[in-house]
PDB file of N, CA and C in Angstrom:
ATOM      1  N   UNK A   1     -29.651 -48.980  14.336  1.00  0.00           N
ATOM      2  CA  UNK A   1     -28.500 -47.923  14.530  1.00  0.00           C
ATOM      3  C   UNK A   1     -29.140 -46.785  14.866  1.00  0.00           C
ATOM      4  N   UNK A   2     -28.846 -45.658  15.403  1.00  0.00           N
ATOM      5  CA  UNK A   2     -29.173 -44.557  16.000  1.00  0.00           C
ATOM      6  C   UNK A   2     -30.175 -44.686  17.198  1.00  0.00           C
ATOM      7  N   UNK A   3     -30.262 -45.987  17.710  1.00  0.00           N
ATOM      8  CA  UNK A   3     -30.757 -45.956  18.895  1.00  0.00           C
ATOM      9  C   UNK A   3     -30.289 -45.312  19.949  1.00  0.00           C
ATOM     10  N   UNK A   4     -30.778 -44.735  21.068  1.00  0.00           N
ATOM     11  CA  UNK A   4     -30.203 -44.449  22.143  1.00  0.00           C
ATOM     12  C   UNK A   4     -30.167 -45.546  23.683  1.00  0.00           C
ATOM     13  N   UNK A   5     -28.983 -45.386  24.153  1.00  0.00           N
ATOM     14  CA  UNK A   5     -28.390 -46.644  24.958  1.00  0.00           C
ATOM     15  C   UNK A   5     -27.828 -45.765  26.184  1.00  0.00           C
ATOM     16  N   UNK A   6     -27.553 -46.344  27.325  1.00  0.00           N
ATOM     17  CA  UNK A   6     -27.283 -45.959  28.691  1.00  0.00           C
ATOM     18  C   UNK A   6     -26.105 -47.012  29.055  1.00  0.00           C
ATOM     19  N   UNK A   7     -24.890 -46.551  29.686  1.00  0.00           N
ATOM     20  CA  UNK A   7     -23.870 -47.331  30.017  1.00  0.00           C
ATOM     21  C   UNK A   7     -23.812 -46.726  31.344  1.00  0.00           C
ATOM     22  N   UNK A   8     -23.235 -48.291  31.980  1.00  0.00           N
ATOM     23  CA  UNK A   8     -23.129 -47.832  33.475  1.00  0.00           C
ATOM     24  C   UNK A   8     -22.205 -46.726  33.945  1.00  0.00           C
ATOM     25  N   UNK A   9     -20.606 -46.805  33.157  1.00  0.00           N
ATOM     26  CA  UNK A   9     -19.542 -45.934  33.327  1.00  0.00           C
ATOM     27  C   UNK A   9     -19.453 -45.007  32.482  1.00  0.00           C
ATOM     28  N   UNK A  10     -20.129 -44.653  30.840  1.00  0.00           N
ATOM     29  CA  UNK A  10     -20.121 -44.035  29.897  1.00  0.00           C
ATOM     30  C   UNK A  10     -21.460 -43.086  30.137  1.00  0.00           C
ATOM     31  N   UNK A  11     -22.297 -43.010  30.749  1.00  0.00           N
ATOM     32  CA  UNK A  11     -23.628 -42.654  30.602  1.00  0.00           C
ATOM     33  C   UNK A  11     -24.340 -42.569  29.396  1.00  0.00           C
ATOM     34  N   UNK A  12     -25.131 -41.756  28.790  1.00  0.00           N
ATOM     35  CA  UNK A  12     -25.502 -41.733  27.589  1.00  0.00           C
ATOM     36  C   UNK A  12     -24.991 -41.800  26.503  1.00  0.00           C
ATOM     37  N   UNK A  13     -25.613 -42.870  25.217  1.00  0.00           N
ATOM     38  CA  UNK A  13     -24.752 -42.504  24.084  1.00  0.00           C
ATOM     39  C   UNK A  13     -25.616 -42.938  22.844  1.00  0.00           C
ATOM     40  N   UNK A  14     -25.257 -43.238  21.879  1.00  0.00           N
ATOM     41  CA  UNK A  14     -26.172 -43.193  20.418  1.00  0.00           C
ATOM     42  C   UNK A  14     -25.508 -44.622  19.629  1.00  0.00           C
ATOM     43  N   UNK A  15     -25.940 -45.295  19.303  1.00  0.00           N
ATOM     44  CA  UNK A  15     -25.230 -46.490  18.480  1.00  0.00           C
ATOM     45  C   UNK A  15     -25.078 -46.094  17.410  1.00  0.00           C
ATOM     46  N   UNK A  16     -23.956 -45.876  16.471  1.00  0.00           N
ATOM     47  CA  UNK A  16     -23.160 -45.682  15.234  1.00  0.00           C
ATOM     48  C   UNK A  16     -23.024 -46.336  14.560  1.00  0.00           C
ATOM     49  N   UNK A  17     -22.651 -47.780  14.863  1.00  0.00           N
ATOM     50  CA  UNK A  17     -22.487 -49.104  13.915  1.00  0.00           C
ATOM     51  C   UNK A  17     -22.840 -49.683  14.514  1.00  0.00           C
ATOM     52  N   UNK A  18     -23.083 -51.186  13.689  1.00  0.00           N
ATOM     53  CA  UNK A  18     -23.604 -52.412  14.060  1.00  0.00           C
ATOM     54  C   UNK A  18     -22.612 -53.352  13.297  1.00  0.00           C
ATOM     55  N   UNK A  19     -21.777 -54.374  14.069  1.00  0.00           N
ATOM     56  CA  UNK A  19     -20.842 -55.543  13.317  1.00  0.00           C
ATOM     57  C   UNK A  19     -21.648 -56.795  13.775  1.00  0.00           C
ATOM     58  N   UNK A  20     -22.493 -57.147  13.080  1.00  0.00           N
ATOM     59  CA  UNK A  20     -22.845 -58.097  12.976  1.00  0.00           C
ATOM     60  C   UNK A  20     -23.667 -58.415  14.387  1.00  0.00           C
ATOM     61  N   UNK A  21     -23.859 -59.804  14.865  1.00  0.00           N
ATOM     62  CA  UNK A  21     -24.593 -59.732  16.194  1.00  0.00           C
ATOM     63  C   UNK A  21     -23.635 -59.739  17.220  1.00  0.00           C
ATOM     64  N   UNK A  22     -22.407 -59.443  16.969  1.00  0.00           N
ATOM     65  CA  UNK A  22     -21.221 -59.313  18.022  1.00  0.00           C
ATOM     66  C   UNK A  22     -20.671 -58.192  18.532  1.00  0.00           C
ATOM     67  N   UNK A  23     -20.947 -57.135  17.915  1.00  0.00           N
ATOM     68  CA  UNK A  23     -20.391 -55.761  18.693  1.00  0.00           C
ATOM     69  C   UNK A  23     -21.284 -54.789  18.004  1.00  0.00           C
ATOM     70  N   UNK A  24     -21.473 -53.805  18.660  1.00  0.00           N
ATOM     71  CA  UNK A  24     -21.931 -52.205  18.639  1.00  0.00           C
ATOM     72  C   UNK A  24     -20.820 -51.415  18.813  1.00  0.00           C
ATOM     73  N   UNK A  25     -20.270 -49.988  17.811  1.00  0.00           N
ATOM     74  CA  UNK A  25     -20.063 -49.047  17.946  1.00  0.00           C
ATOM     75  C   UNK A  25     -20.765 -47.842  18.560  1.00  0.00           C
ATOM     76  N   UNK A  26     -20.532 -47.179  19.723  1.00  0.00           N
ATOM     77  CA  UNK A  26     -21.638 -45.914  20.151  1.00  0.00           C
ATOM     78  C   UNK A  26     -20.504 -45.021  20.474  1.00  0.00           C
ATOM     79  N   UNK A  27     -21.316 -43.942  20.249  1.00  0.00           N
ATOM     80  CA  UNK A  27     -20.523 -42.420  20.296  1.00  0.00           C
ATOM     81  C   UNK A  27     -21.314 -41.915  21.730  1.00  0.00           C
ATOM     82  N   UNK A  28     -20.453 -41.697  22.584  1.00  0.00           N
ATOM     83  CA  UNK A  28     -21.017 -41.055  23.742  1.00  0.00           C
ATOM     84  C   UNK A  28     -20.541 -39.535  23.944  1.00  0.00           C
ATOM     85  N   UNK A  29     -20.767 -38.677  23.665  1.00  0.00           N
ATOM     86  CA  UNK A  29     -20.654 -37.199  23.371  1.00  0.00           C
ATOM     87  C   UNK A  29     -19.085 -37.073  22.834  1.00  0.00           C
ATOM     88  N   UNK A  30     -19.117 -37.470  21.852  1.00  0.00           N
ATOM     89  CA  UNK A  30     -17.755 -37.454  20.634  1.00  0.00           C
ATOM     90  C   UNK A  30     -16.739 -38.445  21.494  1.00  0.00           C
ATOM     91  N   UNK A  31     -16.959 -39.212  22.321  1.00  0.00           N
ATOM     92  CA  UNK A  31     -15.835 -40.385  22.852  1.00  0.00           C
ATOM     93  C   UNK A  31     -16.919 -41.663  22.159  1.00  0.00           C
ATOM     94  N   UNK A  32     -15.853 -42.260  21.445  1.00  0.00           N
ATOM     95  CA  UNK A  32     -16.383 -43.623  20.823  1.00  0.00           C
ATOM     96  C   UNK A  32     -16.010 -44.874  21.833  1.00  0.00           C
ATOM     97  N   UNK A  33     -17.096 -46.092  21.376  1.00  0.00           N
ATOM     98  CA  UNK A  33     -16.513 -47.326  22.109  1.00  0.00           C
ATOM     99  C   UNK A  33     -16.752 -48.395  21.129  1.00  0.00           C
ATOM    100  N   UNK A  34     -16.357 -49.596  21.211  1.00  0.00           N
ATOM    101  CA  UNK A  34     -16.864 -50.508  20.915  1.00  0.00           C
ATOM    102  C   UNK A  34     -17.135 -51.733  22.111  1.00  0.00           C
ATOM    103  N   UNK A  35     -18.549 -51.784  21.431  1.00  0.00           N
ATOM    104  CA  UNK A  35     -19.088 -53.258  22.620  1.00  0.00           C
ATOM    105  C   UNK A  35     -19.077 -54.231  22.088  1.00  0.00           C
ATOM    106  N   UNK A  36     -18.677 -55.225  22.883  1.00  0.00           N
ATOM    107  CA  UNK A  36     -18.812 -56.951  22.267  1.00  0.00           C
ATOM    108  C   UNK A  36     -20.220 -57.600  23.182  1.00  0.00           C
ATOM    109  N   UNK A  37     -20.662 -58.345  22.781  1.00  0.00           N
ATOM    110  CA  UNK A  37     -21.907 -59.244  23.325  1.00  0.00           C
ATOM    111  C   UNK A  37     -21.000 -60.209  24.140  1.00  0.00           C
ATOM    112  N   UNK A  38     -21.873 -60.184  24.956  1.00  0.00           N
ATOM    113  CA  UNK A  38     -23.138 -59.764  25.302  1.00  0.00           C
ATOM    114  C   UNK A  38     -23.188 -58.383  26.061  1.00  0.00           C
ATOM    115  N   UNK A  39     -23.948 -57.438  25.815  1.00  0.00           N
ATOM    116  CA  UNK A  39     -24.174 -56.337  26.138  1.00  0.00           C
ATOM    117  C   UNK A  39     -24.787 -55.832  27.510  1.00  0.00           C
ATOM    118  N   UNK A  40     -24.055 -56.673  28.670  1.00  0.00           N
ATOM    119  CA  UNK A  40     -24.853 -56.762  29.646  1.00  0.00           C
ATOM    120  C   UNK A  40     -24.768 -55.044  30.317  1.00  0.00           C
ATOM    121  N   UNK A  41     -24.282 -54.205  30.306  1.00  0.00           N
ATOM    122  CA  UNK A  41     -23.874 -53.024  30.565  1.00  0.00           C
ATOM    123  C   UNK A  41     -24.581 -51.720  30.338  1.00  0.00           C
ATOM    124  N   UNK A  42     -25.065 -52.207  29.103  1.00  0.00           N
ATOM    125  CA  UNK A  42     -25.628 -51.233  28.064  1.00  0.00           C
ATOM    126  C   UNK A  42     -27.128 -51.746  28.165  1.00  0.00           C
ATOM    127  N   UNK A  43     -28.103 -50.648  28.055  1.00  0.00           N
ATOM    128  CA  UNK A  43     -29.454 -50.447  28.379  1.00  0.00           C
ATOM    129  C   UNK A  43     -30.377 -49.600  27.271  1.00  0.00           C
ATOM    130  N   UNK A  44     -30.927 -50.195  26.623  1.00  0.00           N
ATOM    131  CA  UNK A  44     -31.668 -49.436  25.347  1.00  0.00           C
ATOM    132  C   UNK A  44     -32.781 -48.602  25.685  1.00  0.00           C
ATOM    133  N   UNK A  45     -32.810 -47.117  25.542  1.00  0.00           N
ATOM    134  CA  UNK A  45     -33.782 -46.141  25.977  1.00  0.00           C
ATOM    135  C   UNK A  45     -35.168 -46.031  25.438  1.00  0.00           C
TER     136      UNK A  45
END
């Protein structure tokens, strides 16, 4: 949690929650999204 990430569509964000190994919650400047594994469009910064 707290890691910065980049997404192809949403841009820069910060991980605000982890649901096991299957999903993460990310905040993109006030817009939140839930992403399921595999995290192919996310890259850790």
